Amino acid sequence: MGLIPFEVNELTRAVNPIKLREYLAAGLSVVSAPLPEVKLYEDMVELADTPATFAVAVEKALASPASRRQERSARMAHETWPGKLDVICRALASSRPNRPATGS
C-alpha cells in the first residue's frame, strides 16, 4: 500500500506527488490526504483528511479486491516520461506563433 499523509496547507495544495503515479503504476492501493492533484485520481485512491479518517481509509484500502490492482496499473500505462515529453513538445509547438516559411 502507498501512503501520502501530507498535511493539507497552502504549500501542499500545490504539490504534485509523483509517488502517487508510481504507487498506482505498481497496482498498489493508495491512501492520501485530499490534495488537489490526488483528487484527479479519487476513483482509484482513498482520501482522508484527519487521523481518524486516515485510519479508516487504510483499513478500506487493505480490503480492496486484488482485481483492482490490474485496473490501477492499466490506468497509469500512459503516464510515462516519453509520453510526458510528447505532451510538452506538442504544447510548445502549438504555442509558437506561425512563421512564414523563409527560403533562400
PDB file of N, CA and C in Angstrom:
ATOM      1  N   MET A   1       0.825  -1.169   0.000  1.00  0.00           N
ATOM      2  CA  MET A   1       0.000   0.000   0.000  1.00  0.00           C
ATOM      3  C   MET A   1       0.875   1.239   0.000  1.00  0.00           C
ATOM      4  N   GLY A   2       0.411   2.262  -0.712  1.00  0.00           N
ATOM      5  CA  GLY A   2       1.124   3.530  -0.741  1.00  0.00           C
ATOM      6  C   GLY A   2       0.409   4.556   0.115  1.00  0.00           C
ATOM      7  N   LEU A   3       1.177   5.328   0.853  1.00  0.00           N
ATOM      8  CA  LEU A   3       0.612   6.361   1.716  1.00  0.00           C
ATOM      9  C   LEU A   3       1.144   7.726   1.332  1.00  0.00           C
ATOM     10  N   ILE A   4       0.240   8.698   1.280  1.00  0.00           N
ATOM     11  CA  ILE A   4       0.629  10.093   1.037  1.00  0.00           C
ATOM     12  C   ILE A   4      -0.038  10.915   2.148  1.00  0.00           C
ATOM     13  N   PRO A   5       0.596  10.913   3.344  1.00  0.00           N
ATOM     14  CA  PRO A   5      -0.020  11.527   4.526  1.00  0.00           C
ATOM     15  C   PRO A   5       0.337  13.002   4.707  1.00  0.00           C
ATOM     16  N   PHE A   6       0.211  13.783   3.652  1.00  0.00           N
ATOM     17  CA  PHE A   6       0.550  15.205   3.750  1.00  0.00           C
ATOM     18  C   PHE A   6      -0.487  15.953   4.580  1.00  0.00           C
ATOM     19  N   GLU A   7      -0.018  16.959   5.286  1.00  0.00           N
ATOM     20  CA  GLU A   7      -0.937  17.910   5.897  1.00  0.00           C
ATOM     21  C   GLU A   7      -1.350  18.865   4.775  1.00  0.00           C
ATOM     22  N   VAL A   8      -2.624  19.101   4.628  1.00  0.00           N
ATOM     23  CA  VAL A   8      -3.081  19.998   3.567  1.00  0.00           C
ATOM     24  C   VAL A   8      -2.962  21.426   4.078  1.00  0.00           C
ATOM     25  N   ASN A   9      -2.145  22.200   3.375  1.00  0.00           N
ATOM     26  CA  ASN A   9      -1.957  23.610   3.715  1.00  0.00           C
ATOM     27  C   ASN A   9      -1.621  24.369   2.429  1.00  0.00           C
ATOM     28  N   GLU A  10      -1.301  25.636   2.562  1.00  0.00           N
ATOM     29  CA  GLU A  10      -1.030  26.461   1.383  1.00  0.00           C
ATOM     30  C   GLU A  10       0.089  25.873   0.518  1.00  0.00           C
ATOM     31  N   LEU A  11       1.124  25.383   1.125  1.00  0.00           N
ATOM     32  CA  LEU A  11       2.255  24.809   0.392  1.00  0.00           C
ATOM     33  C   LEU A  11       1.873  23.493  -0.292  1.00  0.00           C
ATOM     34  N   THR A  12       1.249  22.583   0.439  1.00  0.00           N
ATOM     35  CA  THR A  12       0.985  21.256  -0.123  1.00  0.00           C
ATOM     36  C   THR A  12      -0.170  21.249  -1.121  1.00  0.00           C
ATOM     37  N   ARG A  13      -0.992  22.288  -1.141  1.00  0.00           N
ATOM     38  CA  ARG A  13      -2.045  22.358  -2.161  1.00  0.00           C
ATOM     39  C   ARG A  13      -1.435  22.442  -3.563  1.00  0.00           C
ATOM     40  N   ALA A  14      -0.204  22.878  -3.653  1.00  0.00           N
ATOM     41  CA  ALA A  14       0.475  22.995  -4.951  1.00  0.00           C
ATOM     42  C   ALA A  14       1.350  21.782  -5.267  1.00  0.00           C
ATOM     43  N   VAL A  15       1.356  20.782  -4.394  1.00  0.00           N
ATOM     44  CA  VAL A  15       2.199  19.600  -4.572  1.00  0.00           C
ATOM     45  C   VAL A  15       1.592  18.661  -5.607  1.00  0.00           C
ATOM     46  N   ASN A  16       2.460  18.098  -6.421  1.00  0.00           N
ATOM     47  CA  ASN A  16       2.053  17.054  -7.364  1.00  0.00           C
ATOM     48  C   ASN A  16       2.883  15.828  -7.002  1.00  0.00           C
ATOM     49  N   PRO A  17       2.350  14.970  -6.130  1.00  0.00           N
ATOM     50  CA  PRO A  17       3.158  13.854  -5.633  1.00  0.00           C
ATOM     51  C   PRO A  17       3.392  12.775  -6.695  1.00  0.00           C
ATOM     52  N   ILE A  18       4.605  12.738  -7.227  1.00  0.00           N
ATOM     53  CA  ILE A  18       4.979  11.747  -8.238  1.00  0.00           C
ATOM     54  C   ILE A  18       4.785  10.335  -7.699  1.00  0.00           C
ATOM     55  N   LYS A  19       4.985  10.166  -6.392  1.00  0.00           N
ATOM     56  CA  LYS A  19       4.810   8.840  -5.782  1.00  0.00           C
ATOM     57  C   LYS A  19       3.410   8.293  -6.053  1.00  0.00           C
ATOM     58  N   LEU A  20       2.409   9.156  -6.164  1.00  0.00           N
ATOM     59  CA  LEU A  20       1.052   8.690  -6.433  1.00  0.00           C
ATOM     60  C   LEU A  20       1.018   7.840  -7.699  1.00  0.00           C
ATOM     61  N   ARG A  21       1.591   8.367  -8.765  1.00  0.00           N
ATOM     62  CA  ARG A  21       1.588   7.641 -10.042  1.00  0.00           C
ATOM     63  C   ARG A  21       2.443   6.368  -9.957  1.00  0.00           C
ATOM     64  N   GLU A  22       3.530   6.430  -9.216  1.00  0.00           N
ATOM     65  CA  GLU A  22       4.372   5.242  -9.049  1.00  0.00           C
ATOM     66  C   GLU A  22       3.622   4.158  -8.280  1.00  0.00           C
ATOM     67  N   TYR A  23       2.933   4.546  -7.212  1.00  0.00           N
ATOM     68  CA  TYR A  23       2.144   3.583  -6.446  1.00  0.00           C
ATOM     69  C   TYR A  23       1.071   2.944  -7.325  1.00  0.00           C
ATOM     70  N   LEU A  24       0.336   3.786  -8.068  1.00  0.00           N
ATOM     71  CA  LEU A  24      -0.739   3.265  -8.909  1.00  0.00           C
ATOM     72  C   LEU A  24      -0.197   2.397 -10.039  1.00  0.00           C
ATOM     73  N   ALA A  25       0.915   2.805 -10.630  1.00  0.00           N
ATOM     74  CA  ALA A  25       1.519   2.009 -11.702  1.00  0.00           C
ATOM     75  C   ALA A  25       1.906   0.619 -11.190  1.00  0.00           C
ATOM     76  N   ALA A  26       2.307   0.550  -9.937  1.00  0.00           N
ATOM     77  CA  ALA A  26       2.654  -0.741  -9.328  1.00  0.00           C
ATOM     78  C   ALA A  26       1.404  -1.515  -8.913  1.00  0.00           C
ATOM     79  N   GLY A  27       0.240  -0.895  -9.072  1.00  0.00           N
ATOM     80  CA  GLY A  27      -1.012  -1.550  -8.723  1.00  0.00           C
ATOM     81  C   GLY A  27      -1.377  -1.450  -7.258  1.00  0.00           C
ATOM     82  N   LEU A  28      -0.610  -0.665  -6.501  1.00  0.00           N
ATOM     83  CA  LEU A  28      -0.861  -0.559  -5.065  1.00  0.00           C
ATOM     84  C   LEU A  28      -2.122   0.233  -4.762  1.00  0.00           C
ATOM     85  N   SER A  29      -2.789  -0.132  -3.689  1.00  0.00           N
ATOM     86  CA  SER A  29      -3.862   0.720  -3.191  1.00  0.00           C
ATOM     87  C   SER A  29      -3.178   1.915  -2.521  1.00  0.00           C
ATOM     88  N   VAL A  30      -3.854   3.057  -2.541  1.00  0.00           N
ATOM     89  CA  VAL A  30      -3.253   4.295  -2.036  1.00  0.00           C
ATOM     90  C   VAL A  30      -4.223   5.005  -1.099  1.00  0.00           C
ATOM     91  N   VAL A  31      -3.673   5.508  -0.006  1.00  0.00           N
ATOM     92  CA  VAL A  31      -4.414   6.371   0.909  1.00  0.00           C
ATOM     93  C   VAL A  31      -3.666   7.698   0.941  1.00  0.00           C
ATOM     94  N   SER A  32      -4.421   8.775   0.760  1.00  0.00           N
ATOM     95  CA  SER A  32      -3.776  10.083   0.669  1.00  0.00           C
ATOM     96  C   SER A  32      -4.625  11.166   1.313  1.00  0.00           C
ATOM     97  N   ALA A  33      -3.927  12.229   1.692  1.00  0.00           N
ATOM     98  CA  ALA A  33      -4.623  13.456   2.060  1.00  0.00           C
ATOM     99  C   ALA A  33      -5.282  13.989   0.784  1.00  0.00           C
ATOM    100  N   PRO A  34      -6.355  14.756   0.919  1.00  0.00           N
ATOM    101  CA  PRO A  34      -7.079  15.233  -0.256  1.00  0.00           C
ATOM    102  C   PRO A  34      -6.400  16.414  -0.969  1.00  0.00           C
ATOM    103  N   LEU A  35      -5.224  16.152  -1.496  1.00  0.00           N
ATOM    104  CA  LEU A  35      -4.502  17.171  -2.259  1.00  0.00           C
ATOM    105  C   LEU A  35      -5.176  17.343  -3.617  1.00  0.00           C
ATOM    106  N   PRO A  36      -5.190  18.556  -4.175  1.00  0.00           N
ATOM    107  CA  PRO A  36      -5.847  18.765  -5.469  1.00  0.00           C
ATOM    108  C   PRO A  36      -5.386  17.798  -6.567  1.00  0.00           C
ATOM    109  N   GLU A  37      -4.091  17.552  -6.696  1.00  0.00           N
ATOM    110  CA  GLU A  37      -3.595  16.643  -7.737  1.00  0.00           C
ATOM    111  C   GLU A  37      -4.025  15.204  -7.495  1.00  0.00           C
ATOM    112  N   VAL A  38      -4.144  14.811  -6.244  1.00  0.00           N
ATOM    113  CA  VAL A  38      -4.569  13.449  -5.917  1.00  0.00           C
ATOM    114  C   VAL A  38      -6.059  13.280  -6.213  1.00  0.00           C
ATOM    115  N   LYS A  39      -6.826  14.327  -6.004  1.00  0.00           N
ATOM    116  CA  LYS A  39      -8.266  14.254  -6.262  1.00  0.00           C
ATOM    117  C   LYS A  39      -8.573  13.916  -7.718  1.00  0.00           C
ATOM    118  N   LEU A  40      -7.637  14.167  -8.619  1.00  0.00           N
ATOM    119  CA  LEU A  40      -7.829  13.798 -10.027  1.00  0.00           C
ATOM    120  C   LEU A  40      -7.948  12.282 -10.183  1.00  0.00           C
ATOM    121  N   TYR A  41      -7.477  11.551  -9.198  1.00  0.00           N
ATOM    122  CA  TYR A  41      -7.499  10.086  -9.218  1.00  0.00           C
ATOM    123  C   TYR A  41      -8.364   9.534  -8.087  1.00  0.00           C
ATOM    124  N   GLU A  42      -9.324  10.316  -7.614  1.00  0.00           N
ATOM    125  CA  GLU A  42     -10.079   9.905  -6.425  1.00  0.00           C
ATOM    126  C   GLU A  42     -10.869   8.616  -6.629  1.00  0.00           C
ATOM    127  N   ASP A  43     -11.103   8.227  -7.860  1.00  0.00           N
ATOM    128  CA  ASP A  43     -11.782   6.951  -8.077  1.00  0.00           C
ATOM    129  C   ASP A  43     -10.842   5.761  -7.824  1.00  0.00           C
ATOM    130  N   MET A  44      -9.537   6.050  -7.707  1.00  0.00           N
ATOM    131  CA  MET A  44      -8.545   4.994  -7.502  1.00  0.00           C
ATOM    132  C   MET A  44      -7.858   5.093  -6.142  1.00  0.00           C
ATOM    133  N   VAL A  45      -8.149   6.154  -5.377  1.00  0.00           N
ATOM    134  CA  VAL A  45      -7.430   6.451  -4.142  1.00  0.00           C
ATOM    135  C   VAL A  45      -8.426   6.654  -2.997  1.00  0.00           C
ATOM    136  N   GLU A  46      -8.050   6.214  -1.819  1.00  0.00           N
ATOM    137  CA  GLU A  46      -8.834   6.510  -0.619  1.00  0.00           C
ATOM    138  C   GLU A  46      -8.336   7.845  -0.071  1.00  0.00           C
ATOM    139  N   LEU A  47      -9.226   8.815   0.068  1.00  0.00           N
ATOM    140  CA  LEU A  47      -8.857  10.133   0.575  1.00  0.00           C
ATOM    141  C   LEU A  47      -9.264  10.269   2.043  1.00  0.00           C
ATOM    142  N   ALA A  48      -8.417  10.934   2.808  1.00  0.00           N
ATOM    143  CA  ALA A  48      -8.694  11.125   4.229  1.00  0.00           C
ATOM    144  C   ALA A  48      -8.074  12.438   4.690  1.00  0.00           C
ATOM    145  N   ASP A  49      -8.802  13.173   5.512  1.00  0.00           N
ATOM    146  CA  ASP A  49      -8.301  14.472   5.938  1.00  0.00           C
ATOM    147  C   ASP A  49      -8.067  14.629   7.436  1.00  0.00           C
ATOM    148  N   THR A  50      -8.280  13.557   8.186  1.00  0.00           N
ATOM    149  CA  THR A  50      -7.985  13.583   9.623  1.00  0.00           C
ATOM    150  C   THR A  50      -7.304  12.266  10.000  1.00  0.00           C
ATOM    151  N   PRO A  51      -6.632  12.225  11.136  1.00  0.00           N
ATOM    152  CA  PRO A  51      -6.025  10.953  11.557  1.00  0.00           C
ATOM    153  C   PRO A  51      -7.051   9.815  11.647  1.00  0.00           C
ATOM    154  N   ALA A  52      -8.237  10.106  12.150  1.00  0.00           N
ATOM    155  CA  ALA A  52      -9.259   9.065  12.288  1.00  0.00           C
ATOM    156  C   ALA A  52      -9.723   8.565  10.925  1.00  0.00           C
ATOM    157  N   THR A  53      -9.989   9.478   9.995  1.00  0.00           N
ATOM    158  CA  THR A  53     -10.442   9.041   8.668  1.00  0.00           C
ATOM    159  C   THR A  53      -9.300   8.388   7.896  1.00  0.00           C
ATOM    160  N   PHE A  54      -8.071   8.770   8.198  1.00  0.00           N
ATOM    161  CA  PHE A  54      -6.919   8.137   7.549  1.00  0.00           C
ATOM    162  C   PHE A  54      -6.842   6.664   7.957  1.00  0.00           C
ATOM    163  N   ALA A  55      -7.052   6.394   9.238  1.00  0.00           N
ATOM    164  CA  ALA A  55      -7.019   5.005   9.723  1.00  0.00           C
ATOM    165  C   ALA A  55      -8.122   4.176   9.067  1.00  0.00           C
ATOM    166  N   VAL A  56      -9.314   4.743   8.951  1.00  0.00           N
ATOM    167  CA  VAL A  56     -10.427   4.036   8.302  1.00  0.00           C
ATOM    168  C   VAL A  56     -10.103   3.795   6.826  1.00  0.00           C
ATOM    169  N   ALA A  57      -9.512   4.800   6.165  1.00  0.00           N
ATOM    170  CA  ALA A  57      -9.155   4.664   4.751  1.00  0.00           C
ATOM    171  C   ALA A  57      -8.101   3.583   4.546  1.00  0.00           C
ATOM    172  N   VAL A  58      -7.157   3.469   5.467  1.00  0.00           N
ATOM    173  CA  VAL A  58      -6.138   2.414   5.386  1.00  0.00           C
ATOM    174  C   VAL A  58      -6.808   1.048   5.474  1.00  0.00           C
ATOM    175  N   GLU A  59      -7.731   0.894   6.403  1.00  0.00           N
ATOM    176  CA  GLU A  59      -8.446  -0.382   6.519  1.00  0.00           C
ATOM    177  C   GLU A  59      -9.216  -0.701   5.238  1.00  0.00           C
ATOM    178  N   LYS A  60      -9.869   0.301   4.676  1.00  0.00           N
ATOM    179  CA  LYS A  60     -10.624   0.105   3.431  1.00  0.00           C
ATOM    180  C   LYS A  60      -9.683  -0.261   2.286  1.00  0.00           C
ATOM    181  N   ALA A  61      -8.550   0.414   2.195  1.00  0.00           N
ATOM    182  CA  ALA A  61      -7.581   0.122   1.130  1.00  0.00           C
ATOM    183  C   ALA A  61      -7.017  -1.285   1.267  1.00  0.00           C
ATOM    184  N   LEU A  62      -6.766  -1.710   2.495  1.00  0.00           N
ATOM    185  CA  LEU A  62      -6.262  -3.065   2.720  1.00  0.00           C
ATOM    186  C   LEU A  62      -7.279  -4.127   2.295  1.00  0.00           C
ATOM    187  N   ALA A  63      -8.543  -3.773   2.365  1.00  0.00           N
ATOM    188  CA  ALA A  63      -9.603  -4.707   1.984  1.00  0.00           C
ATOM    189  C   ALA A  63      -9.943  -4.630   0.488  1.00  0.00           C
ATOM    190  N   SER A  64      -9.258  -3.767  -0.226  1.00  0.00           N
ATOM    191  CA  SER A  64      -9.519  -3.598  -1.662  1.00  0.00           C
ATOM    192  C   SER A  64      -9.298  -4.917  -2.407  1.00  0.00           C
ATOM    193  N   PRO A  65     -10.211  -5.279  -3.300  1.00  0.00           N
ATOM    194  CA  PRO A  65     -10.050  -6.540  -4.032  1.00  0.00           C
ATOM    195  C   PRO A  65      -8.782  -6.549  -4.890  1.00  0.00           C
ATOM    196  N   ALA A  66      -8.181  -7.699  -4.995  1.00  0.00           N
ATOM    197  CA  ALA A  66      -6.953  -7.850  -5.793  1.00  0.00           C
ATOM    198  C   ALA A  66      -7.184  -7.468  -7.248  1.00  0.00           C
ATOM    199  N   SER A  67      -8.415  -7.595  -7.724  1.00  0.00           N
ATOM    200  CA  SER A  67      -8.718  -7.267  -9.118  1.00  0.00           C
ATOM    201  C   SER A  67      -8.483  -5.787  -9.430  1.00  0.00           C
ATOM    202  N   ARG A  68      -8.524  -4.940  -8.444  1.00  0.00           N
ATOM    203  CA  ARG A  68      -8.290  -3.507  -8.668  1.00  0.00           C
ATOM    204  C   ARG A  68      -6.821  -3.217  -8.970  1.00  0.00           C
ATOM    205  N   ARG A  69      -5.940  -4.126  -8.585  1.00  0.00           N
ATOM    206  CA  ARG A  69      -4.503  -3.927  -8.821  1.00  0.00           C
ATOM    207  C   ARG A  69      -4.227  -3.732 -10.315  1.00  0.00           C
ATOM    208  N   GLN A  70      -4.785  -4.606 -11.138  1.00  0.00           N
ATOM    209  CA  GLN A  70      -4.609  -4.515 -12.590  1.00  0.00           C
ATOM    210  C   GLN A  70      -5.209  -3.220 -13.136  1.00  0.00           C
ATOM    211  N   GLU A  71      -6.358  -2.842 -12.618  1.00  0.00           N
ATOM    212  CA  GLU A  71      -7.027  -1.611 -13.047  1.00  0.00           C
ATOM    213  C   GLU A  71      -6.159  -0.384 -12.760  1.00  0.00           C
ATOM    214  N   ARG A  72      -5.572  -0.357 -11.569  1.00  0.00           N
ATOM    215  CA  ARG A  72      -4.715   0.782 -11.209  1.00  0.00           C
ATOM    216  C   ARG A  72      -3.493   0.843 -12.117  1.00  0.00           C
ATOM    217  N   SER A  73      -2.872  -0.294 -12.365  1.00  0.00           N
ATOM    218  CA  SER A  73      -1.693  -0.326 -13.244  1.00  0.00           C
ATOM    219  C   SER A  73      -2.048   0.122 -14.655  1.00  0.00           C
ATOM    220  N   ALA A  74      -3.167  -0.372 -15.166  1.00  0.00           N
ATOM    221  CA  ALA A  74      -3.583  -0.032 -16.527  1.00  0.00           C
ATOM    222  C   ALA A  74      -3.860   1.460 -16.663  1.00  0.00           C
ATOM    223  N   ARG A  75      -4.421   2.055 -15.631  1.00  0.00           N
ATOM    224  CA  ARG A  75      -4.732   3.492 -15.663  1.00  0.00           C
ATOM    225  C   ARG A  75      -3.463   4.337 -15.822  1.00  0.00           C
ATOM    226  N   MET A  76      -2.341   3.828 -15.326  1.00  0.00           N
ATOM    227  CA  MET A  76      -1.091   4.584 -15.378  1.00  0.00           C
ATOM    228  C   MET A  76      -0.232   4.237 -16.589  1.00  0.00           C
ATOM    229  N   ALA A  77      -0.661   3.323 -17.428  1.00  0.00           N
ATOM    230  CA  ALA A  77       0.152   2.866 -18.563  1.00  0.00           C
ATOM    231  C   ALA A  77       0.586   4.023 -19.467  1.00  0.00           C
ATOM    232  N   HIS A  78      -0.236   5.046 -19.605  1.00  0.00           N
ATOM    233  CA  HIS A  78       0.113   6.184 -20.460  1.00  0.00           C
ATOM    234  C   HIS A  78       0.967   7.227 -19.734  1.00  0.00           C
ATOM    235  N   GLU A  79       1.125   7.080 -18.439  1.00  0.00           N
ATOM    236  CA  GLU A  79       1.886   8.039 -17.627  1.00  0.00           C
ATOM    237  C   GLU A  79       3.379   7.686 -17.642  1.00  0.00           C
ATOM    238  N   THR A  80       4.028   7.908 -18.776  1.00  0.00           N
ATOM    239  CA  THR A  80       5.447   7.611 -18.903  1.00  0.00           C
ATOM    240  C   THR A  80       6.206   8.899 -19.168  1.00  0.00           C
ATOM    241  N   TRP A  81       7.504   8.889 -18.927  1.00  0.00           N
ATOM    242  CA  TRP A  81       8.304  10.084 -19.222  1.00  0.00           C
ATOM    243  C   TRP A  81       8.313  10.392 -20.711  1.00  0.00           C
ATOM    244  N   PRO A  82       8.464   9.402 -21.614  1.00  0.00           N
ATOM    245  CA  PRO A  82       8.360   9.731 -23.050  1.00  0.00           C
ATOM    246  C   PRO A  82       6.992  10.322 -23.395  1.00  0.00           C
ATOM    247  N   GLY A  83       5.939   9.821 -22.765  1.00  0.00           N
ATOM    248  CA  GLY A  83       4.604  10.374 -23.003  1.00  0.00           C
ATOM    249  C   GLY A  83       4.501  11.811 -22.530  1.00  0.00           C
ATOM    250  N   LYS A  84       5.076  12.105 -21.370  1.00  0.00           N
ATOM    251  CA  LYS A  84       5.069  13.482 -20.858  1.00  0.00           C
ATOM    252  C   LYS A  84       5.874  14.410 -21.761  1.00  0.00           C
ATOM    253  N   LEU A  85       7.020  13.925 -22.248  1.00  0.00           N
ATOM    254  CA  LEU A  85       7.835  14.721 -23.156  1.00  0.00           C
ATOM    255  C   LEU A  85       7.054  15.052 -24.426  1.00  0.00           C
ATOM    256  N   ASP A  86       6.312  14.099 -24.932  1.00  0.00           N
ATOM    257  CA  ASP A  86       5.495  14.324 -26.122  1.00  0.00           C
ATOM    258  C   ASP A  86       4.448  15.406 -25.868  1.00  0.00           C
ATOM    259  N   VAL A  87       3.796  15.357 -24.711  1.00  0.00           N
ATOM    260  CA  VAL A  87       2.802  16.374 -24.360  1.00  0.00           C
ATOM    261  C   VAL A  87       3.454  17.752 -24.289  1.00  0.00           C
ATOM    262  N   ILE A  88       4.625  17.841 -23.678  1.00  0.00           N
ATOM    263  CA  ILE A  88       5.334  19.117 -23.553  1.00  0.00           C
ATOM    264  C   ILE A  88       5.727  19.645 -24.930  1.00  0.00           C
ATOM    265  N   CYS A  89       6.260  18.761 -25.764  1.00  0.00           N
ATOM    266  CA  CYS A  89       6.681  19.190 -27.112  1.00  0.00           C
ATOM    267  C   CYS A  89       5.494  19.689 -27.926  1.00  0.00           C
ATOM    268  N   ARG A  90       4.366  18.984 -27.839  1.00  0.00           N
ATOM    269  CA  ARG A  90       3.178  19.426 -28.575  1.00  0.00           C
ATOM    270  C   ARG A  90       2.681  20.771 -28.051  1.00  0.00           C
ATOM    271  N   ALA A  91       2.720  20.969 -26.740  1.00  0.00           N
ATOM    272  CA  ALA A  91       2.281  22.239 -26.164  1.00  0.00           C
ATOM    273  C   ALA A  91       3.197  23.374 -26.606  1.00  0.00           C
ATOM    274  N   LEU A  92       4.495  23.130 -26.617  1.00  0.00           N
ATOM    275  CA  LEU A  92       5.434  24.156 -27.062  1.00  0.00           C
ATOM    276  C   LEU A  92       5.240  24.474 -28.539  1.00  0.00           C
ATOM    277  N   ALA A  93       5.056  23.445 -29.343  1.00  0.00           N
ATOM    278  CA  ALA A  93       4.866  23.653 -30.776  1.00  0.00           C
ATOM    279  C   ALA A  93       3.593  24.440 -31.059  1.00  0.00           C
ATOM    280  N   SER A  94       2.546  24.171 -30.315  1.00  0.00           N
ATOM    281  CA  SER A  94       1.287  24.873 -30.567  1.00  0.00           C
ATOM    282  C   SER A  94       1.296  26.296 -30.012  1.00  0.00           C
ATOM    283  N   SER A  95       2.219  26.600 -29.104  1.00  0.00           N
ATOM    284  CA  SER A  95       2.266  27.933 -28.525  1.00  0.00           C
ATOM    285  C   SER A  95       3.125  28.908 -29.334  1.00  0.00           C
ATOM    286  N   ARG A  96       3.911  28.370 -30.260  1.00  0.00           N
ATOM    287  CA  ARG A  96       4.741  29.252 -31.084  1.00  0.00           C
ATOM    288  C   ARG A  96       3.887  29.893 -32.165  1.00  0.00           C
ATOM    289  N   PRO A  97       4.102  31.176 -32.412  1.00  0.00           N
ATOM    290  CA  PRO A  97       3.347  31.815 -33.492  1.00  0.00           C
ATOM    291  C   PRO A  97       3.755  31.197 -34.847  1.00  0.00           C
ATOM    292  N   ASN A  98       2.788  31.132 -35.721  1.00  0.00           N
ATOM    293  CA  ASN A  98       3.093  30.622 -37.058  1.00  0.00           C
ATOM    294  C   ASN A  98       3.999  31.613 -37.769  1.00  0.00           C
ATOM    295  N   ARG A  99       5.068  31.097 -38.278  1.00  0.00           N
ATOM    296  CA  ARG A  99       6.022  31.962 -39.006  1.00  0.00           C
ATOM    297  C   ARG A  99       5.987  31.569 -40.470  1.00  0.00           C
ATOM    298  N   PRO A 100       6.006  32.573 -41.316  1.00  0.00           N
ATOM    299  CA  PRO A 100       6.042  32.229 -42.747  1.00  0.00           C
ATOM    300  C   PRO A 100       7.346  31.516 -43.074  1.00  0.00           C
ATOM    301  N   ALA A 101       7.241  30.584 -43.965  1.00  0.00           N
ATOM    302  CA  ALA A 101       8.441  29.850 -44.384  1.00  0.00           C
ATOM    303  C   ALA A 101       9.391  30.813 -45.070  1.00  0.00           C
ATOM    304  N   THR A 102      10.654  30.675 -44.735  1.00  0.00           N
ATOM    305  CA  THR A 102      11.652  31.532 -45.382  1.00  0.00           C
ATOM    306  C   THR A 102      12.471  30.668 -46.307  1.00  0.00           C
ATOM    307  N   GLY A 103      12.752  31.160 -47.420  1.00  0.00           N
ATOM    308  CA  GLY A 103      13.552  30.409 -48.387  1.00  0.00           C
ATOM    309  C   GLY A 103      14.778  31.200 -48.769  1.00  0.00           C
ATOM    310  N   SER A 104      15.734  30.548 -49.351  1.00  0.00           N
ATOM    311  CA  SER A 104      16.922  31.279 -49.761  1.00  0.00           C
ATOM    312  C   SER A 104      16.935  31.415 -51.241  1.00  0.00           C
TER     313      SER A 104
END
